[in-house]
PDB file of N, CA and C in Angstrom:
ATOM      1  N   UNK A   1     -65.389  16.655  89.501  1.00  0.00           N
ATOM      2  CA  UNK A   1     -65.228  16.580  88.057  1.00  0.00           C
ATOM      3  C   UNK A   1     -63.766  16.446  87.673  1.00  0.00           C
ATOM      4  N   UNK A   2     -62.886  17.133  88.388  1.00  0.00           N
ATOM      5  CA  UNK A   2     -61.464  17.052  88.046  1.00  0.00           C
ATOM      6  C   UNK A   2     -60.898  15.667  88.350  1.00  0.00           C
ATOM      7  N   UNK A   3     -61.444  14.994  89.370  1.00  0.00           N
ATOM      8  CA  UNK A   3     -60.980  13.646  89.695  1.00  0.00           C
ATOM      9  C   UNK A   3     -61.358  12.695  88.553  1.00  0.00           C
ATOM     10  N   UNK A   4     -62.563  12.871  88.005  1.00  0.00           N
ATOM     11  CA  UNK A   4     -62.997  12.036  86.896  1.00  0.00           C
ATOM     12  C   UNK A   4     -62.106  12.242  85.678  1.00  0.00           C
ATOM     13  N   UNK A   5     -61.778  13.484  85.387  1.00  0.00           N
ATOM     14  CA  UNK A   5     -60.917  13.787  84.240  1.00  0.00           C
ATOM     15  C   UNK A   5     -59.520  13.222  84.460  1.00  0.00           C
ATOM     16  N   UNK A   6     -59.015  13.314  85.689  1.00  0.00           N
ATOM     17  CA  UNK A   6     -57.702  12.767  85.998  1.00  0.00           C
ATOM     18  C   UNK A   6     -57.700  11.246  85.848  1.00  0.00           C
ATOM     19  N   UNK A   7     -58.754  10.572  86.355  1.00  0.00           N
ATOM     20  CA  UNK A   7     -58.852   9.129  86.217  1.00  0.00           C
ATOM     21  C   UNK A   7     -58.971   8.724  84.747  1.00  0.00           C
ATOM     22  N   UNK A   8     -59.704   9.502  83.969  1.00  0.00           N
ATOM     23  CA  UNK A   8     -59.845   9.220  82.554  1.00  0.00           C
ATOM     24  C   UNK A   8     -58.500   9.372  81.841  1.00  0.00           C
ATOM     25  N   UNK A   9     -57.720  10.384  82.224  1.00  0.00           N
ATOM     26  CA  UNK A   9     -56.411  10.588  81.603  1.00  0.00           C
ATOM     27  C   UNK A   9     -55.466   9.434  81.928  1.00  0.00           C
ATOM     28  N   UNK A  10     -55.489   8.966  83.170  1.00  0.00           N
ATOM     29  CA  UNK A  10     -54.648   7.840  83.559  1.00  0.00           C
ATOM     30  C   UNK A  10     -55.071   6.595  82.789  1.00  0.00           C
ATOM     31  N   UNK A  11     -56.366   6.383  82.648  1.00  0.00           N
ATOM     32  CA  UNK A  11     -56.866   5.248  81.886  1.00  0.00           C
ATOM     33  C   UNK A  11     -56.406   5.322  80.435  1.00  0.00           C
ATOM     34  N   UNK A  12     -56.450   6.502  79.848  1.00  0.00           N
ATOM     35  CA  UNK A  12     -56.033   6.651  78.454  1.00  0.00           C
ATOM     36  C   UNK A  12     -54.526   6.426  78.297  1.00  0.00           C
ATOM     37  N   UNK A  13     -53.737   6.882  79.288  1.00  0.00           N
ATOM     38  CA  UNK A  13     -52.298   6.642  79.222  1.00  0.00           C
ATOM     39  C   UNK A  13     -51.998   5.148  79.260  1.00  0.00           C
ATOM     40  N   UNK A  14     -52.682   4.430  80.136  1.00  0.00           N
ATOM     41  CA  UNK A  14     -52.486   2.987  80.239  1.00  0.00           C
ATOM     42  C   UNK A  14     -52.931   2.312  78.943  1.00  0.00           C
ATOM     43  N   UNK A  15     -54.038   2.772  78.387  1.00  0.00           N
ATOM     44  CA  UNK A  15     -54.523   2.188  77.134  1.00  0.00           C
ATOM     45  C   UNK A  15     -53.530   2.407  76.001  1.00  0.00           C
ATOM     46  N   UNK A  16     -52.974   3.604  75.893  1.00  0.00           N
ATOM     47  CA  UNK A  16     -51.970   3.874  74.866  1.00  0.00           C
ATOM     48  C   UNK A  16     -50.722   3.019  75.081  1.00  0.00           C
ATOM     49  N   UNK A  17     -50.304   2.860  76.318  1.00  0.00           N
ATOM     50  CA  UNK A  17     -49.145   2.035  76.625  1.00  0.00           C
ATOM     51  C   UNK A  17     -49.401   0.583  76.236  1.00  0.00           C
ATOM     52  N   UNK A  18     -50.581   0.070  76.522  1.00  0.00           N
ATOM     53  CA  UNK A  18     -50.919  -1.310  76.170  1.00  0.00           C
ATOM     54  C   UNK A  18     -50.956  -1.496  74.647  1.00  0.00           C
ATOM     55  N   UNK A  19     -51.477  -0.521  73.930  1.00  0.00           N
ATOM     56  CA  UNK A  19     -51.517  -0.608  72.468  1.00  0.00           C
ATOM     57  C   UNK A  19     -50.097  -0.610  71.903  1.00  0.00           C
ATOM     58  N   UNK A  20     -49.248   0.260  72.406  1.00  0.00           N
ATOM     59  CA  UNK A  20     -47.867   0.318  71.932  1.00  0.00           C
ATOM     60  C   UNK A  20     -47.146  -0.993  72.225  1.00  0.00           C
ATOM     61  N   UNK A  21     -47.341  -1.546  73.419  1.00  0.00           N
ATOM     62  CA  UNK A  21     -46.685  -2.813  73.775  1.00  0.00           C
ATOM     63  C   UNK A  21     -47.181  -3.962  72.899  1.00  0.00           C
ATOM     64  N   UNK A  22     -48.476  -4.029  72.659  1.00  0.00           N
ATOM     65  CA  UNK A  22     -49.005  -5.137  71.860  1.00  0.00           C
ATOM     66  C   UNK A  22     -48.584  -5.030  70.397  1.00  0.00           C
ATOM     67  N   UNK A  23     -48.549  -3.851  69.851  1.00  0.00           N
ATOM     68  CA  UNK A  23     -48.095  -3.681  68.466  1.00  0.00           C
ATOM     69  C   UNK A  23     -46.604  -3.993  68.357  1.00  0.00           C
ATOM     70  N   UNK A  24     -45.836  -3.579  69.349  1.00  0.00           N
ATOM     71  CA  UNK A  24     -44.402  -3.890  69.339  1.00  0.00           C
ATOM     72  C   UNK A  24     -44.172  -5.393  69.412  1.00  0.00           C
ATOM     73  N   UNK A  25     -44.909  -6.080  70.253  1.00  0.00           N
ATOM     74  CA  UNK A  25     -44.775  -7.530  70.368  1.00  0.00           C
ATOM     75  C   UNK A  25     -45.193  -8.218  69.071  1.00  0.00           C
ATOM     76  N   UNK A  26     -46.242  -7.727  68.436  1.00  0.00           N
ATOM     77  CA  UNK A  26     -46.668  -8.299  67.153  1.00  0.00           C
ATOM     78  C   UNK A  26     -45.604  -8.103  66.080  1.00  0.00           C
ATOM     79  N   UNK A  27     -44.959  -6.953  66.066  1.00  0.00           N
ATOM     80  CA  UNK A  27     -43.899  -6.694  65.087  1.00  0.00           C
ATOM     81  C   UNK A  27     -42.708  -7.609  65.340  1.00  0.00           C
ATOM     82  N   UNK A  28     -42.372  -7.846  66.610  1.00  0.00           N
ATOM     83  CA  UNK A  28     -41.259  -8.744  66.937  1.00  0.00           C
ATOM     84  C   UNK A  28     -41.570 -10.152  66.443  1.00  0.00           C
ATOM     85  N   UNK A  29     -42.795 -10.651  66.699  1.00  0.00           N
ATOM     86  CA  UNK A  29     -43.161 -11.987  66.229  1.00  0.00           C
ATOM     87  C   UNK A  29     -43.186 -12.056  64.707  1.00  0.00           C
ATOM     88  N   UNK A  30     -43.612 -10.995  64.048  1.00  0.00           N
ATOM     89  CA  UNK A  30     -43.614 -10.970  62.586  1.00  0.00           C
ATOM     90  C   UNK A  30     -42.189 -11.048  62.038  1.00  0.00           C
ATOM     91  N   UNK A  31     -41.272 -10.319  62.655  1.00  0.00           N
ATOM     92  CA  UNK A  31     -39.875 -10.356  62.216  1.00  0.00           C
ATOM     93  C   UNK A  31     -39.289 -11.750  62.417  1.00  0.00           C
ATOM     94  N   UNK A  32     -39.579 -12.366  63.559  1.00  0.00           N
ATOM     95  CA  UNK A  32     -39.087 -13.724  63.817  1.00  0.00           C
ATOM     96  C   UNK A  32     -39.672 -14.700  62.797  1.00  0.00           C
ATOM     97  N   UNK A  33     -40.953 -14.549  62.467  1.00  0.00           N
ATOM     98  CA  UNK A  33     -41.582 -15.418  61.475  1.00  0.00           C
ATOM     99  C   UNK A  33     -40.941 -15.245  60.098  1.00  0.00           C
ATOM    100  N   UNK A  34     -40.695 -14.013  59.698  1.00  0.00           N
ATOM    101  CA  UNK A  34     -40.097 -13.753  58.386  1.00  0.00           C
ATOM    102  C   UNK A  34     -38.684 -14.325  58.316  1.00  0.00           C
ATOM    103  N   UNK A  35     -37.915 -14.183  59.390  1.00  0.00           N
ATOM    104  CA  UNK A  35     -36.558 -14.743  59.409  1.00  0.00           C
ATOM    105  C   UNK A  35     -36.623 -16.261  59.291  1.00  0.00           C
ATOM    106  N   UNK A  36     -37.539 -16.881  60.024  1.00  0.00           N
ATOM    107  CA  UNK A  36     -37.688 -18.335  59.945  1.00  0.00           C
ATOM    108  C   UNK A  36     -38.130 -18.800  58.576  1.00  0.00           C
ATOM    109  N   UNK A  37     -39.024 -18.060  57.949  1.00  0.00           N
ATOM    110  CA  UNK A  37     -39.504 -18.439  56.617  1.00  0.00           C
ATOM    111  C   UNK A  37     -38.401 -18.300  55.573  1.00  0.00           C
ATOM    112  N   UNK A  38     -37.575 -17.293  55.689  1.00  0.00           N
ATOM    113  CA  UNK A  38     -36.480 -17.112  54.725  1.00  0.00           C
ATOM    114  C   UNK A  38     -35.399 -18.172  54.878  1.00  0.00           C
ATOM    115  N   UNK A  39     -35.214 -18.669  56.097  1.00  0.00           N
ATOM    116  CA  UNK A  39     -34.196 -19.696  56.325  1.00  0.00           C
ATOM    117  C   UNK A  39     -34.712 -21.098  56.029  1.00  0.00           C
ATOM    118  N   UNK A  40     -35.976 -21.231  55.640  1.00  0.00           N
ATOM    119  CA  UNK A  40     -36.517 -22.528  55.268  1.00  0.00           C
ATOM    120  C   UNK A  40     -37.045 -23.339  56.435  1.00  0.00           C
ATOM    121  N   UNK A  41     -37.383 -22.695  57.515  1.00  0.00           N
ATOM    122  CA  UNK A  41     -37.864 -23.396  58.700  1.00  0.00           C
ATOM    123  C   UNK A  41     -39.190 -24.125  58.443  1.00  0.00           C
ATOM    124  N   UNK A  42     -40.014 -23.593  57.570  1.00  0.00           N
ATOM    125  CA  UNK A  42     -41.359 -24.131  57.372  1.00  0.00           C
ATOM    126  C   UNK A  42     -41.497 -24.906  56.064  1.00  0.00           C
ATOM    127  N   UNK A  43     -40.402 -25.310  55.446  1.00  0.00           N
ATOM    128  CA  UNK A  43     -40.472 -25.985  54.158  1.00  0.00           C
ATOM    129  C   UNK A  43     -40.514 -27.502  54.259  1.00  0.00           C
ATOM    130  N   UNK A  44     -40.367 -28.062  55.432  1.00  0.00           N
ATOM    131  CA  UNK A  44     -40.388 -29.516  55.607  1.00  0.00           C
ATOM    132  C   UNK A  44     -41.839 -29.975  55.686  1.00  0.00           C
ATOM    133  N   UNK A  45     -42.351 -30.489  54.557  1.00  0.00           N
ATOM    134  CA  UNK A  45     -43.746 -30.918  54.535  1.00  0.00           C
ATOM    135  C   UNK A  45     -43.955 -32.229  55.272  1.00  0.00           C
ATOM    136  N   UNK A  46     -42.965 -33.098  55.206  1.00  0.00           N
ATOM    137  CA  UNK A  46     -43.092 -34.402  55.839  1.00  0.00           C
ATOM    138  C   UNK A  46     -42.096 -34.468  56.988  1.00  0.00           C
ATOM    139  N   UNK A  47     -42.540 -34.107  58.153  1.00  0.00           N
ATOM    140  CA  UNK A  47     -41.650 -34.028  59.307  1.00  0.00           C
ATOM    141  C   UNK A  47     -41.335 -35.414  59.860  1.00  0.00           C
ATOM    142  N   UNK A  48     -40.352 -35.514  60.738  1.00  0.00           N
ATOM    143  CA  UNK A  48     -40.012 -36.809  61.326  1.00  0.00           C
ATOM    144  C   UNK A  48     -41.186 -37.457  62.063  1.00  0.00           C
ATOM    145  N   UNK A  49     -42.073 -36.665  62.626  1.00  0.00           N
ATOM    146  CA  UNK A  49     -43.222 -37.242  63.319  1.00  0.00           C
ATOM    147  C   UNK A  49     -44.148 -37.965  62.339  1.00  0.00           C
ATOM    148  N   UNK A  50     -44.274 -37.452  61.127  1.00  0.00           N
ATOM    149  CA  UNK A  50     -45.112 -38.106  60.125  1.00  0.00           C
ATOM    150  C   UNK A  50     -44.370 -39.289  59.514  1.00  0.00           C
ATOM    151  N   UNK A  51     -43.073 -39.153  59.319  1.00  0.00           N
ATOM    152  CA  UNK A  51     -42.285 -40.248  58.759  1.00  0.00           C
ATOM    153  C   UNK A  51     -42.316 -41.473  59.662  1.00  0.00           C
ATOM    154  N   UNK A  52     -42.463 -41.264  60.954  1.00  0.00           N
ATOM    155  CA  UNK A  52     -42.522 -42.367  61.893  1.00  0.00           C
ATOM    156  C   UNK A  52     -43.723 -43.270  61.605  1.00  0.00           C
ATOM    157  N   UNK A  53     -44.790 -42.701  61.092  1.00  0.00           N
ATOM    158  CA  UNK A  53     -45.978 -43.495  60.796  1.00  0.00           C
ATOM    159  C   UNK A  53     -45.767 -44.425  59.611  1.00  0.00           C
ATOM    160  N   UNK A  54     -44.845 -44.096  58.738  1.00  0.00           N
ATOM    161  CA  UNK A  54     -44.597 -44.899  57.549  1.00  0.00           C
ATOM    162  C   UNK A  54     -43.456 -45.903  57.734  1.00  0.00           C
ATOM    163  N   UNK A  55     -42.894 -46.001  58.927  1.00  0.00           N
ATOM    164  CA  UNK A  55     -41.801 -46.940  59.176  1.00  0.00           C
ATOM    165  C   UNK A  55     -42.235 -48.380  58.985  1.00  0.00           C
ATOM    166  N   UNK A  56     -43.470 -48.722  59.315  1.00  0.00           N
ATOM    167  CA  UNK A  56     -43.942 -50.099  59.171  1.00  0.00           C
ATOM    168  C   UNK A  56     -43.921 -50.547  57.710  1.00  0.00           C
ATOM    169  N   UNK A  57     -44.280 -49.656  56.810  1.00  0.00           N
ATOM    170  CA  UNK A  57     -44.273 -50.008  55.393  1.00  0.00           C
ATOM    171  C   UNK A  57     -42.856 -50.336  54.926  1.00  0.00           C
ATOM    172  N   UNK A  58     -41.897 -49.591  55.353  1.00  0.00           N
ATOM    173  CA  UNK A  58     -40.509 -49.840  54.969  1.00  0.00           C
ATOM    174  C   UNK A  58     -40.018 -51.142  55.603  1.00  0.00           C
ATOM    175  N   UNK A  59     -40.397 -51.375  56.826  1.00  0.00           N
ATOM    176  CA  UNK A  59     -39.954 -52.569  57.531  1.00  0.00           C
ATOM    177  C   UNK A  59     -40.522 -53.828  56.886  1.00  0.00           C
ATOM    178  N   UNK A  60     -41.777 -53.813  56.440  1.00  0.00           N
ATOM    179  CA  UNK A  60     -42.366 -55.005  55.833  1.00  0.00           C
ATOM    180  C   UNK A  60     -41.714 -55.316  54.488  1.00  0.00           C
ATOM    181  N   UNK A  61     -41.244 -54.319  53.776  1.00  0.00           N
ATOM    182  CA  UNK A  61     -40.594 -54.557  52.494  1.00  0.00           C
ATOM    183  C   UNK A  61     -39.230 -55.220  52.686  1.00  0.00           C
ATOM    184  N   UNK A  62     -38.575 -54.961  53.795  1.00  0.00           N
ATOM    185  CA  UNK A  62     -37.244 -55.496  54.032  1.00  0.00           C
ATOM    186  C   UNK A  62     -37.271 -56.928  54.581  1.00  0.00           C
ATOM    187  N   UNK A  63     -38.411 -57.390  55.101  1.00  0.00           N
ATOM    188  CA  UNK A  63     -38.493 -58.733  55.669  1.00  0.00           C
ATOM    189  C   UNK A  63     -38.378 -59.771  54.554  1.00  0.00           C
ATOM    190  N   UNK A  64     -37.648 -60.846  54.815  1.00  0.00           N
ATOM    191  CA  UNK A  64     -37.526 -61.898  53.792  1.00  0.00           C
ATOM    192  C   UNK A  64     -38.857 -62.627  53.629  1.00  0.00           C
ATOM    193  N   UNK A  65     -39.033 -63.171  52.462  1.00  0.00           N
ATOM    194  CA  UNK A  65     -40.271 -63.904  52.183  1.00  0.00           C
ATOM    195  C   UNK A  65     -40.314 -65.193  52.999  1.00  0.00           C
ATOM    196  N   UNK A  66     -41.497 -65.542  53.467  1.00  0.00           N
ATOM    197  CA  UNK A  66     -41.644 -66.760  54.269  1.00  0.00           C
ATOM    198  C   UNK A  66     -41.479 -67.980  53.356  1.00  0.00           C
ATOM    199  N   UNK A  67     -40.803 -69.042  53.850  1.00  0.00           N
ATOM    200  CA  UNK A  67     -40.640 -70.227  53.014  1.00  0.00           C
ATOM    201  C   UNK A  67     -41.984 -70.895  52.750  1.00  0.00           C
ATOM    202  N   UNK A  68     -42.135 -71.388  51.553  1.00  0.00           N
ATOM    203  CA  UNK A  68     -43.410 -72.033  51.177  1.00  0.00           C
ATOM    204  C   UNK A  68     -43.426 -73.473  51.652  1.00  0.00           C
ATOM    205  N   UNK A  69     -44.588 -73.919  52.097  1.00  0.00           N
ATOM    206  CA  UNK A  69     -44.735 -75.306  52.555  1.00  0.00           C
ATOM    207  C   UNK A  69     -44.904 -76.223  51.358  1.00  0.00           C
ATOM    208  N   UNK A  70     -44.315 -77.416  51.429  1.00  0.00           N
ATOM    209  CA  UNK A  70     -44.413 -78.366  50.327  1.00  0.00           C
ATOM    210  C   UNK A  70     -45.375 -79.458  50.644  1.00  0.00           C
TER     211      UNK A  70
END
């Protein structure tokens, strides 16, 4: 019976340690997210990857008109 209680205590210590580590890691990520949000990291709605898709529209506007056949 004492071995079972000892194993249960070790299991509970590990469980408490895992909970503390996971909550600490979550708080660190939350702080990093808040710092990024305050500095404007997430305010770019149209990123360069999306702007690349619209390059063709800009390029076609800049092309000279084709000469008309007579």
